[in-house]
PDB file of N, CA and C in Angstrom:
ATOM      1  N   MET A   1     -12.090   2.432  25.910  1.00  0.00           N
ATOM      2  CA  MET A   1     -11.261   3.497  25.249  1.00  0.00           C
ATOM      3  C   MET A   1      -9.905   3.055  24.442  1.00  0.00           C
ATOM      4  N   LYS A   2      -9.823   4.162  23.037  1.00  0.00           N
ATOM      5  CA  LYS A   2      -8.535   4.060  22.366  1.00  0.00           C
ATOM      6  C   LYS A   2      -7.513   4.749  23.197  1.00  0.00           C
ATOM      7  N   LYS A   3      -6.511   4.210  22.993  1.00  0.00           N
ATOM      8  CA  LYS A   3      -5.150   4.950  23.499  1.00  0.00           C
ATOM      9  C   LYS A   3      -4.996   6.025  22.553  1.00  0.00           C
ATOM     10  N   LYS A   4      -4.679   7.195  22.969  1.00  0.00           N
ATOM     11  CA  LYS A   4      -4.211   8.440  22.352  1.00  0.00           C
ATOM     12  C   LYS A   4      -2.847   8.148  21.726  1.00  0.00           C
ATOM     13  N   PRO A   5      -2.730   8.450  20.584  1.00  0.00           N
ATOM     14  CA  PRO A   5      -1.490   8.503  19.959  1.00  0.00           C
ATOM     15  C   PRO A   5      -0.494   9.554  20.405  1.00  0.00           C
ATOM     16  N   LYS A   6       0.592   9.382  20.328  1.00  0.00           N
ATOM     17  CA  LYS A   6       1.944  10.398  21.083  1.00  0.00           C
ATOM     18  C   LYS A   6       1.435  11.820  19.924  1.00  0.00           C
ATOM     19  N   ASN A   7       1.301  12.034  18.846  1.00  0.00           N
ATOM     20  CA  ASN A   7       1.595  12.905  18.004  1.00  0.00           C
ATOM     21  C   ASN A   7       0.067  13.632  17.649  1.00  0.00           C
ATOM     22  N   ILE A   8      -1.181  13.392  19.031  1.00  0.00           N
ATOM     23  CA  ILE A   8      -2.020  14.280  18.863  1.00  0.00           C
ATOM     24  C   ILE A   8      -2.173  14.809  20.476  1.00  0.00           C
ATOM     25  N   LYS A   9      -2.666  15.887  20.770  1.00  0.00           N
ATOM     26  CA  LYS A   9      -2.161  16.600  21.791  1.00  0.00           C
ATOM     27  C   LYS A   9      -3.501  16.428  22.626  1.00  0.00           C
ATOM     28  N   GLN A  10      -3.555  16.363  23.824  1.00  0.00           N
ATOM     29  CA  GLN A  10      -3.849  15.813  25.224  1.00  0.00           C
ATOM     30  C   GLN A  10      -5.808  16.317  24.717  1.00  0.00           C
ATOM     31  N   GLU A  11      -5.515  18.085  24.779  1.00  0.00           N
ATOM     32  CA  GLU A  11      -6.592  18.526  24.521  1.00  0.00           C
ATOM     33  C   GLU A  11      -7.576  18.557  23.537  1.00  0.00           C
ATOM     34  N   ASP A  12      -6.622  18.339  21.979  1.00  0.00           N
ATOM     35  CA  ASP A  12      -7.515  17.697  20.973  1.00  0.00           C
ATOM     36  C   ASP A  12      -8.286  16.716  20.949  1.00  0.00           C
ATOM     37  N   TRP A  13      -7.730  15.382  21.512  1.00  0.00           N
ATOM     38  CA  TRP A  13      -7.891  14.305  22.013  1.00  0.00           C
ATOM     39  C   TRP A  13      -8.965  14.396  22.738  1.00  0.00           C
ATOM     40  N   ASP A  14      -9.299  15.094  23.845  1.00  0.00           N
ATOM     41  CA  ASP A  14     -10.451  15.121  24.631  1.00  0.00           C
ATOM     42  C   ASP A  14     -11.727  15.946  23.890  1.00  0.00           C
ATOM     43  N   ALA A  15     -11.429  16.735  22.891  1.00  0.00           N
ATOM     44  CA  ALA A  15     -12.252  17.575  22.569  1.00  0.00           C
ATOM     45  C   ALA A  15     -13.294  16.931  21.543  1.00  0.00           C
ATOM     46  N   VAL A  16     -12.689  15.558  21.050  1.00  0.00           N
ATOM     47  CA  VAL A  16     -13.518  14.593  20.335  1.00  0.00           C
ATOM     48  C   VAL A  16     -13.999  13.501  20.692  1.00  0.00           C
ATOM     49  N   ASP A  17     -13.717  13.142  21.917  1.00  0.00           N
ATOM     50  CA  ASP A  17     -14.070  12.120  22.751  1.00  0.00           C
ATOM     51  C   ASP A  17     -15.560  11.660  22.844  1.00  0.00           C
ATOM     52  N   SER A  18     -15.842  10.799  22.441  1.00  0.00           N
ATOM     53  CA  SER A  18     -17.518  10.596  22.318  1.00  0.00           C
ATOM     54  C   SER A  18     -18.361  10.071  23.739  1.00  0.00           C
ATOM     55  N   PRO A  19     -19.359  10.707  23.884  1.00  0.00           N
ATOM     56  CA  PRO A  19     -19.781  10.318  24.741  1.00  0.00           C
ATOM     57  C   PRO A  19     -20.339   9.138  25.222  1.00  0.00           C
ATOM     58  N   PRO A  20     -20.796   8.244  26.225  1.00  0.00           N
ATOM     59  CA  PRO A  20     -21.421   6.830  26.080  1.00  0.00           C
ATOM     60  C   PRO A  20     -22.800   6.698  25.288  1.00  0.00           C
ATOM     61  N   LEU A  21     -22.677   5.643  24.695  1.00  0.00           N
ATOM     62  CA  LEU A  21     -23.869   5.303  23.870  1.00  0.00           C
ATOM     63  C   LEU A  21     -24.959   4.763  24.802  1.00  0.00           C
ATOM     64  N   SER A  22     -26.108   5.526  24.449  1.00  0.00           N
ATOM     65  CA  SER A  22     -27.226   5.149  25.064  1.00  0.00           C
ATOM     66  C   SER A  22     -28.121   3.774  24.776  1.00  0.00           C
ATOM     67  N   LYS A  23     -28.637   2.993  25.462  1.00  0.00           N
ATOM     68  CA  LYS A  23     -29.270   1.874  25.109  1.00  0.00           C
ATOM     69  C   LYS A  23     -30.168   2.134  23.975  1.00  0.00           C
ATOM     70  N   ASN A  24     -30.675   3.237  23.692  1.00  0.00           N
ATOM     71  CA  ASN A  24     -31.787   3.179  22.821  1.00  0.00           C
ATOM     72  C   ASN A  24     -30.876   3.230  21.645  1.00  0.00           C
ATOM     73  N   ILE A  25     -29.754   4.110  21.264  1.00  0.00           N
ATOM     74  CA  ILE A  25     -28.631   4.040  20.451  1.00  0.00           C
ATOM     75  C   ILE A  25     -28.196   2.959  20.078  1.00  0.00           C
ATOM     76  N   ILE A  26     -28.278   2.105  20.824  1.00  0.00           N
ATOM     77  CA  ILE A  26     -27.445   0.771  20.641  1.00  0.00           C
ATOM     78  C   ILE A  26     -28.431  -0.265  19.853  1.00  0.00           C
ATOM     79  N   SER A  27     -29.448  -0.266  20.487  1.00  0.00           N
ATOM     80  CA  SER A  27     -30.520  -0.782  19.993  1.00  0.00           C
ATOM     81  C   SER A  27     -31.029  -0.742  18.089  1.00  0.00           C
ATOM     82  N   ARG A  28     -30.587   0.525  18.102  1.00  0.00           N
ATOM     83  CA  ARG A  28     -30.704   0.883  16.713  1.00  0.00           C
ATOM     84  C   ARG A  28     -29.701   0.618  15.830  1.00  0.00           C
ATOM     85  N   MET A  29     -28.760   0.103  16.281  1.00  0.00           N
ATOM     86  CA  MET A  29     -27.547   0.059  15.493  1.00  0.00           C
ATOM     87  C   MET A  29     -27.332  -1.296  14.481  1.00  0.00           C
ATOM     88  N   LYS A  30     -26.970  -0.833  13.341  1.00  0.00           N
ATOM     89  CA  LYS A  30     -27.150  -2.294  12.298  1.00  0.00           C
ATOM     90  C   LYS A  30     -25.838  -2.079  11.670  1.00  0.00           C
ATOM     91  N   ALA A  31     -25.410  -3.467  11.418  1.00  0.00           N
ATOM     92  CA  ALA A  31     -23.888  -3.677  10.821  1.00  0.00           C
ATOM     93  C   ALA A  31     -23.720  -2.619   9.368  1.00  0.00           C
ATOM     94  N   VAL A  32     -22.907  -2.415   9.258  1.00  0.00           N
ATOM     95  CA  VAL A  32     -22.902  -1.611   7.787  1.00  0.00           C
ATOM     96  C   VAL A  32     -23.355  -2.315   6.655  1.00  0.00           C
ATOM     97  N   SER A  33     -23.105  -3.741   6.646  1.00  0.00           N
ATOM     98  CA  SER A  33     -23.662  -4.405   5.339  1.00  0.00           C
ATOM     99  C   SER A  33     -25.187  -4.616   5.560  1.00  0.00           C
ATOM    100  N   LYS A  34     -25.923  -4.463   6.395  1.00  0.00           N
ATOM    101  CA  LYS A  34     -26.814  -4.323   6.338  1.00  0.00           C
ATOM    102  C   LYS A  34     -27.909  -2.947   6.257  1.00  0.00           C
ATOM    103  N   ALA A  35     -27.221  -1.905   7.309  1.00  0.00           N
ATOM    104  CA  ALA A  35     -27.626  -0.467   6.750  1.00  0.00           C
ATOM    105  C   ALA A  35     -27.313  -0.069   5.202  1.00  0.00           C
ATOM    106  N   HIS A  36     -26.194  -0.559   4.458  1.00  0.00           N
ATOM    107  CA  HIS A  36     -25.756  -0.108   2.981  1.00  0.00           C
ATOM    108  C   HIS A  36     -25.032  -1.276   2.472  1.00  0.00           C
ATOM    109  N   PRO A  37     -26.340  -2.300   1.904  1.00  0.00           N
ATOM    110  CA  PRO A  37     -26.062  -3.117   1.051  1.00  0.00           C
ATOM    111  C   PRO A  37     -25.032  -2.665  -0.070  1.00  0.00           C
ATOM    112  N   GLY A  38     -25.079  -1.910  -0.683  1.00  0.00           N
ATOM    113  CA  GLY A  38     -24.223  -1.809  -1.888  1.00  0.00           C
ATOM    114  C   GLY A  38     -22.655  -1.549  -1.434  1.00  0.00           C
ATOM    115  N   THR A  39     -22.492  -1.199  -0.413  1.00  0.00           N
ATOM    116  CA  THR A  39     -20.852  -1.221   0.114  1.00  0.00           C
ATOM    117  C   THR A  39     -20.394  -2.138  -0.100  1.00  0.00           C
ATOM    118  N   PRO A  40     -19.168  -1.945  -1.039  1.00  0.00           N
ATOM    119  CA  PRO A  40     -18.256  -3.414  -1.267  1.00  0.00           C
ATOM    120  C   PRO A  40     -17.358  -3.546  -0.309  1.00  0.00           C
ATOM    121  N   SER A  41     -17.215  -4.771   0.133  1.00  0.00           N
ATOM    122  CA  SER A  41     -16.274  -5.175   1.133  1.00  0.00           C
ATOM    123  C   SER A  41     -15.019  -4.717   1.012  1.00  0.00           C
ATOM    124  N   ARG A  42     -14.034  -4.771   2.075  1.00  0.00           N
ATOM    125  CA  ARG A  42     -12.721  -4.372   1.897  1.00  0.00           C
ATOM    126  C   ARG A  42     -11.720  -5.504   1.725  1.00  0.00           C
ATOM    127  N   VAL A  43     -12.298  -6.769   1.166  1.00  0.00           N
ATOM    128  CA  VAL A  43     -11.363  -7.515   1.194  1.00  0.00           C
ATOM    129  C   VAL A  43     -10.358  -7.455  -0.080  1.00  0.00           C
ATOM    130  N   ARG A  44      -8.945  -7.498  -0.379  1.00  0.00           N
ATOM    131  CA  ARG A  44      -8.546  -7.482  -1.409  1.00  0.00           C
ATOM    132  C   ARG A  44      -8.879  -8.951  -2.252  1.00  0.00           C
ATOM    133  N   GLY A  45      -8.938  -8.801  -3.589  1.00  0.00           N
ATOM    134  CA  GLY A  45      -9.326  -9.553  -4.426  1.00  0.00           C
ATOM    135  C   GLY A  45      -7.735 -10.314  -5.231  1.00  0.00           C
ATOM    136  N   PRO A  46      -8.257 -11.269  -6.081  1.00  0.00           N
ATOM    137  CA  PRO A  46      -7.066 -11.959  -6.348  1.00  0.00           C
ATOM    138  C   PRO A  46      -6.217 -11.151  -7.085  1.00  0.00           C
ATOM    139  N   GLN A  47      -4.863 -11.162  -7.115  1.00  0.00           N
ATOM    140  CA  GLN A  47      -4.111 -10.327  -8.171  1.00  0.00           C
ATOM    141  C   GLN A  47      -4.101 -10.490  -9.641  1.00  0.00           C
ATOM    142  N   LEU A  48      -4.060  -9.578 -10.236  1.00  0.00           N
ATOM    143  CA  LEU A  48      -3.870  -9.841 -11.470  1.00  0.00           C
ATOM    144  C   LEU A  48      -2.693 -10.304 -12.011  1.00  0.00           C
ATOM    145  N   THR A  49      -2.520 -11.388 -13.248  1.00  0.00           N
ATOM    146  CA  THR A  49      -1.079 -11.527 -13.726  1.00  0.00           C
ATOM    147  C   THR A  49      -0.810 -10.492 -14.513  1.00  0.00           C
ATOM    148  N   PRO A  50       0.424 -10.339 -14.477  1.00  0.00           N
ATOM    149  CA  PRO A  50       1.619 -10.936 -13.571  1.00  0.00           C
ATOM    150  C   PRO A  50       1.624 -10.285 -12.642  1.00  0.00           C
ATOM    151  N   THR A  51       1.856 -10.717 -11.502  1.00  0.00           N
ATOM    152  CA  THR A  51       2.078 -10.235 -10.296  1.00  0.00           C
ATOM    153  C   THR A  51       3.787  -9.778  -9.904  1.00  0.00           C
ATOM    154  N   LYS A  52       3.847  -9.002  -9.071  1.00  0.00           N
ATOM    155  CA  LYS A  52       5.109  -8.642  -8.763  1.00  0.00           C
ATOM    156  C   LYS A  52       5.888  -9.370  -7.693  1.00  0.00           C
ATOM    157  N   LYS A  53       6.983  -9.310  -7.962  1.00  0.00           N
ATOM    158  CA  LYS A  53       8.029 -10.123  -6.735  1.00  0.00           C
ATOM    159  C   LYS A  53       8.504  -9.010  -5.803  1.00  0.00           C
ATOM    160  N   GLN A  54       8.267  -9.402  -4.811  1.00  0.00           N
ATOM    161  CA  GLN A  54       8.802  -8.903  -3.789  1.00  0.00           C
ATOM    162  C   GLN A  54      10.432  -9.661  -3.289  1.00  0.00           C
ATOM    163  N   LEU A  55      11.389  -8.323  -2.775  1.00  0.00           N
ATOM    164  CA  LEU A  55      12.564  -8.664  -3.035  1.00  0.00           C
ATOM    165  C   LEU A  55      13.434  -7.608  -2.177  1.00  0.00           C
ATOM    166  N   THR A  56      14.475  -7.940  -1.525  1.00  0.00           N
ATOM    167  CA  THR A  56      15.438  -6.836  -1.407  1.00  0.00           C
ATOM    168  C   THR A  56      16.691  -6.315  -2.419  1.00  0.00           C
ATOM    169  N   LEU A  57      16.726  -5.269  -2.463  1.00  0.00           N
ATOM    170  CA  LEU A  57      17.644  -4.327  -3.673  1.00  0.00           C
ATOM    171  C   LEU A  57      18.182  -3.262  -2.881  1.00  0.00           C
ATOM    172  N   ARG A  58      19.603  -3.121  -2.976  1.00  0.00           N
ATOM    173  CA  ARG A  58      20.398  -2.150  -2.882  1.00  0.00           C
ATOM    174  C   ARG A  58      20.661  -1.434  -3.655  1.00  0.00           C
ATOM    175  N   LEU A  59      20.262   0.061  -3.729  1.00  0.00           N
ATOM    176  CA  LEU A  59      20.632   0.689  -4.921  1.00  0.00           C
ATOM    177  C   LEU A  59      21.531   2.185  -4.214  1.00  0.00           C
ATOM    178  N   ASN A  60      22.194   2.652  -5.292  1.00  0.00           N
ATOM    179  CA  ASN A  60      22.947   3.679  -4.705  1.00  0.00           C
ATOM    180  C   ASN A  60      22.109   4.931  -4.181  1.00  0.00           C
ATOM    181  N   GLY A  61      22.664   5.496  -2.722  1.00  0.00           N
ATOM    182  CA  GLY A  61      21.974   6.363  -2.275  1.00  0.00           C
ATOM    183  C   GLY A  61      21.207   7.864  -2.989  1.00  0.00           C
ATOM    184  N   GLU A  62      22.204   7.899  -3.893  1.00  0.00           N
ATOM    185  CA  GLU A  62      21.429   9.231  -4.869  1.00  0.00           C
ATOM    186  C   GLU A  62      20.180   8.675  -5.715  1.00  0.00           C
ATOM    187  N   VAL A  63      20.066   7.732  -5.979  1.00  0.00           N
ATOM    188  CA  VAL A  63      19.044   6.922  -6.502  1.00  0.00           C
ATOM    189  C   VAL A  63      17.913   7.008  -5.898  1.00  0.00           C
ATOM    190  N   VAL A  64      18.213   6.567  -4.564  1.00  0.00           N
ATOM    191  CA  VAL A  64      16.985   6.355  -3.602  1.00  0.00           C
ATOM    192  C   VAL A  64      16.415   7.659  -3.586  1.00  0.00           C
ATOM    193  N   ASP A  65      17.366   8.806  -2.966  1.00  0.00           N
ATOM    194  CA  ASP A  65      17.072  10.149  -2.849  1.00  0.00           C
ATOM    195  C   ASP A  65      16.200  11.022  -4.184  1.00  0.00           C
ATOM    196  N   TYR A  66      16.434  10.603  -5.354  1.00  0.00           N
ATOM    197  CA  TYR A  66      15.749  11.061  -6.330  1.00  0.00           C
ATOM    198  C   TYR A  66      14.742  10.577  -6.479  1.00  0.00           C
ATOM    199  N   PHE A  67      14.442   9.298  -6.430  1.00  0.00           N
ATOM    200  CA  PHE A  67      13.199   8.863  -6.610  1.00  0.00           C
ATOM    201  C   PHE A  67      12.127   9.222  -5.437  1.00  0.00           C
ATOM    202  N   LYS A  68      12.899   9.283  -4.185  1.00  0.00           N
ATOM    203  CA  LYS A  68      11.859   9.476  -3.000  1.00  0.00           C
ATOM    204  C   LYS A  68      11.632  10.947  -3.082  1.00  0.00           C
ATOM    205  N   LEU A  69      12.374  12.242  -3.601  1.00  0.00           N
ATOM    206  CA  LEU A  69      11.943  13.451  -3.964  1.00  0.00           C
ATOM    207  C   LEU A  69      10.670  13.537  -4.985  1.00  0.00           C
ATOM    208  N   GLN A  70      10.433  12.289  -5.989  1.00  0.00           N
ATOM    209  CA  GLN A  70       9.283  12.568  -6.652  1.00  0.00           C
ATOM    210  C   GLN A  70       8.466  12.138  -5.958  1.00  0.00           C
ATOM    211  N   GLY A  71       7.967  11.962  -4.605  1.00  0.00           N
ATOM    212  CA  GLY A  71       6.636  11.893  -3.976  1.00  0.00           C
ATOM    213  C   GLY A  71       6.533  10.419  -3.759  1.00  0.00           C
ATOM    214  N   LYS A  72       4.865  10.538  -3.389  1.00  0.00           N
ATOM    215  CA  LYS A  72       4.359   9.048  -3.072  1.00  0.00           C
ATOM    216  C   LYS A  72       4.367   8.365  -5.005  1.00  0.00           C
ATOM    217  N   GLY A  73       4.502   6.986  -4.823  1.00  0.00           N
ATOM    218  CA  GLY A  73       4.803   6.061  -5.627  1.00  0.00           C
ATOM    219  C   GLY A  73       6.238   6.316  -6.353  1.00  0.00           C
ATOM    220  N   TRP A  74       7.104   6.543  -5.426  1.00  0.00           N
ATOM    221  CA  TRP A  74       8.300   6.619  -5.781  1.00  0.00           C
ATOM    222  C   TRP A  74       8.723   5.142  -6.217  1.00  0.00           C
ATOM    223  N   GLN A  75       8.270   3.791  -5.674  1.00  0.00           N
ATOM    224  CA  GLN A  75       8.819   2.659  -5.804  1.00  0.00           C
ATOM    225  C   GLN A  75       8.279   2.046  -7.126  1.00  0.00           C
ATOM    226  N   THR A  76       7.078   2.252  -7.501  1.00  0.00           N
ATOM    227  CA  THR A  76       6.609   2.430  -8.821  1.00  0.00           C
ATOM    228  C   THR A  76       7.091   3.057  -9.628  1.00  0.00           C
ATOM    229  N   LYS A  77       7.650   4.261  -9.856  1.00  0.00           N
ATOM    230  CA  LYS A  77       8.765   4.937 -10.634  1.00  0.00           C
ATOM    231  C   LYS A  77       9.702   4.218 -11.022  1.00  0.00           C
ATOM    232  N   ILE A  78      10.377   3.951  -9.748  1.00  0.00           N
ATOM    233  CA  ILE A  78      11.794   3.119  -9.940  1.00  0.00           C
ATOM    234  C   ILE A  78      11.298   1.704 -10.997  1.00  0.00           C
ATOM    235  N   ASN A  79      10.298   1.047 -11.056  1.00  0.00           N
ATOM    236  CA  ASN A  79       9.888   0.031 -11.637  1.00  0.00           C
ATOM    237  C   ASN A  79      10.051   0.034 -12.930  1.00  0.00           C
ATOM    238  N   ASP A  80       8.822   1.317 -13.153  1.00  0.00           N
ATOM    239  CA  ASP A  80       8.568   1.851 -14.832  1.00  0.00           C
ATOM    240  C   ASP A  80      10.067   2.169 -15.210  1.00  0.00           C
ATOM    241  N   VAL A  81      10.830   2.827 -14.423  1.00  0.00           N
ATOM    242  CA  VAL A  81      11.972   2.861 -15.256  1.00  0.00           C
ATOM    243  C   VAL A  81      12.836   1.708 -15.858  1.00  0.00           C
ATOM    244  N   LEU A  82      12.716   0.776 -14.872  1.00  0.00           N
ATOM    245  CA  LEU A  82      13.519  -0.366 -14.983  1.00  0.00           C
ATOM    246  C   LEU A  82      12.787  -1.046 -15.897  1.00  0.00           C
ATOM    247  N   LEU A  83      11.611  -1.099 -16.116  1.00  0.00           N
ATOM    248  CA  LEU A  83      10.475  -1.881 -17.188  1.00  0.00           C
ATOM    249  C   LEU A  83      10.740  -1.100 -18.290  1.00  0.00           C
ATOM    250  N   ASP A  84      11.042  -0.309 -18.560  1.00  0.00           N
ATOM    251  CA  ASP A  84      11.068   0.665 -20.139  1.00  0.00           C
ATOM    252  C   ASP A  84      12.476   0.298 -20.346  1.00  0.00           C
ATOM    253  N   TYR A  85      13.379   0.106 -19.528  1.00  0.00           N
ATOM    254  CA  TYR A  85      14.894  -0.329 -19.795  1.00  0.00           C
ATOM    255  C   TYR A  85      14.700  -1.667 -20.652  1.00  0.00           C
ATOM    256  N   VAL A  86      14.242  -2.422 -19.899  1.00  0.00           N
ATOM    257  CA  VAL A  86      13.768  -4.001 -20.203  1.00  0.00           C
ATOM    258  C   VAL A  86      13.417  -4.043 -21.648  1.00  0.00           C
ATOM    259  N   GLN A  87      12.295  -3.074 -21.888  1.00  0.00           N
ATOM    260  CA  GLN A  87      11.477  -3.267 -23.020  1.00  0.00           C
ATOM    261  C   GLN A  87      12.396  -2.693 -24.396  1.00  0.00           C
ATOM    262  N   THR A  88      13.326  -2.005 -24.078  1.00  0.00           N
ATOM    263  CA  THR A  88      13.864  -1.255 -24.931  1.00  0.00           C
ATOM    264  C   THR A  88      15.040  -1.790 -25.308  1.00  0.00           C
ATOM    265  N   HIS A  89      15.734  -2.861 -24.531  1.00  0.00           N
ATOM    266  CA  HIS A  89      16.889  -3.295 -24.694  1.00  0.00           C
ATOM    267  C   HIS A  89      16.180  -5.077 -24.922  1.00  0.00           C
ATOM    268  N   ASN A  90      16.618  -5.519 -26.495  1.00  0.00           N
ATOM    269  CA  ASN A  90      16.698  -6.881 -26.408  1.00  0.00           C
ATOM    270  C   ASN A  90      17.698  -7.741 -25.932  1.00  0.00           C
ATOM    271  N   GLU A  91      17.542  -9.000 -25.962  1.00  0.00           N
ATOM    272  CA  GLU A  91      18.554 -10.081 -25.189  1.00  0.00           C
ATOM    273  C   GLU A  91      19.974  -9.818 -25.975  1.00  0.00           C
ATOM    274  N   ASN A  92      20.216  -9.490 -27.099  1.00  0.00           N
ATOM    275  CA  ASN A  92      21.391  -9.583 -27.583  1.00  0.00           C
ATOM    276  C   ASN A  92      22.257  -8.128 -26.779  1.00  0.00           C
ATOM    277  N   ASP A  93      21.477  -7.078 -26.610  1.00  0.00           N
ATOM    278  CA  ASP A  93      21.789  -5.831 -26.101  1.00  0.00           C
ATOM    279  C   ASP A  93      21.968  -5.980 -24.521  1.00  0.00           C
ATOM    280  N   SER A  94      21.302  -6.700 -23.497  1.00  0.00           N
ATOM    281  CA  SER A  94      21.269  -6.680 -22.564  1.00  0.00           C
ATOM    282  C   SER A  94      22.642  -7.215 -21.874  1.00  0.00           C
ATOM    283  N   GLY A  95      22.940  -8.252 -22.334  1.00  0.00           N
ATOM    284  CA  GLY A  95      24.030  -8.889 -21.714  1.00  0.00           C
ATOM    285  C   GLY A  95      23.696 -10.315 -20.487  1.00  0.00           C
ATOM    286  N   ILE A  96      22.398 -10.201 -20.886  1.00  0.00           N
ATOM    287  CA  ILE A  96      21.761 -11.359 -19.926  1.00  0.00           C
ATOM    288  C   ILE A  96      22.002 -12.984 -20.761  1.00  0.00           C
TER     289      ILE A  96
END
């Protein structure tokens, strides 16, 4: 039996608790891959190039707060802004 998460009320947890499975039901069970052969596996495929690099970056709190307020995908938005900067500044202007 699964452990109840802290954020769920006990009465809600009990309301959806499944009864024990009968031998008849168990004998008719099939693996999802056999019952639904067209279902894709959940294995992540190879990364497309170029891949992103994971790193630790310290940003001003005001910058982080601004992007977090944008909602889901805020880290991608930071990447997009930086990528736009890189693409609009040539080597001579960037100081690199």
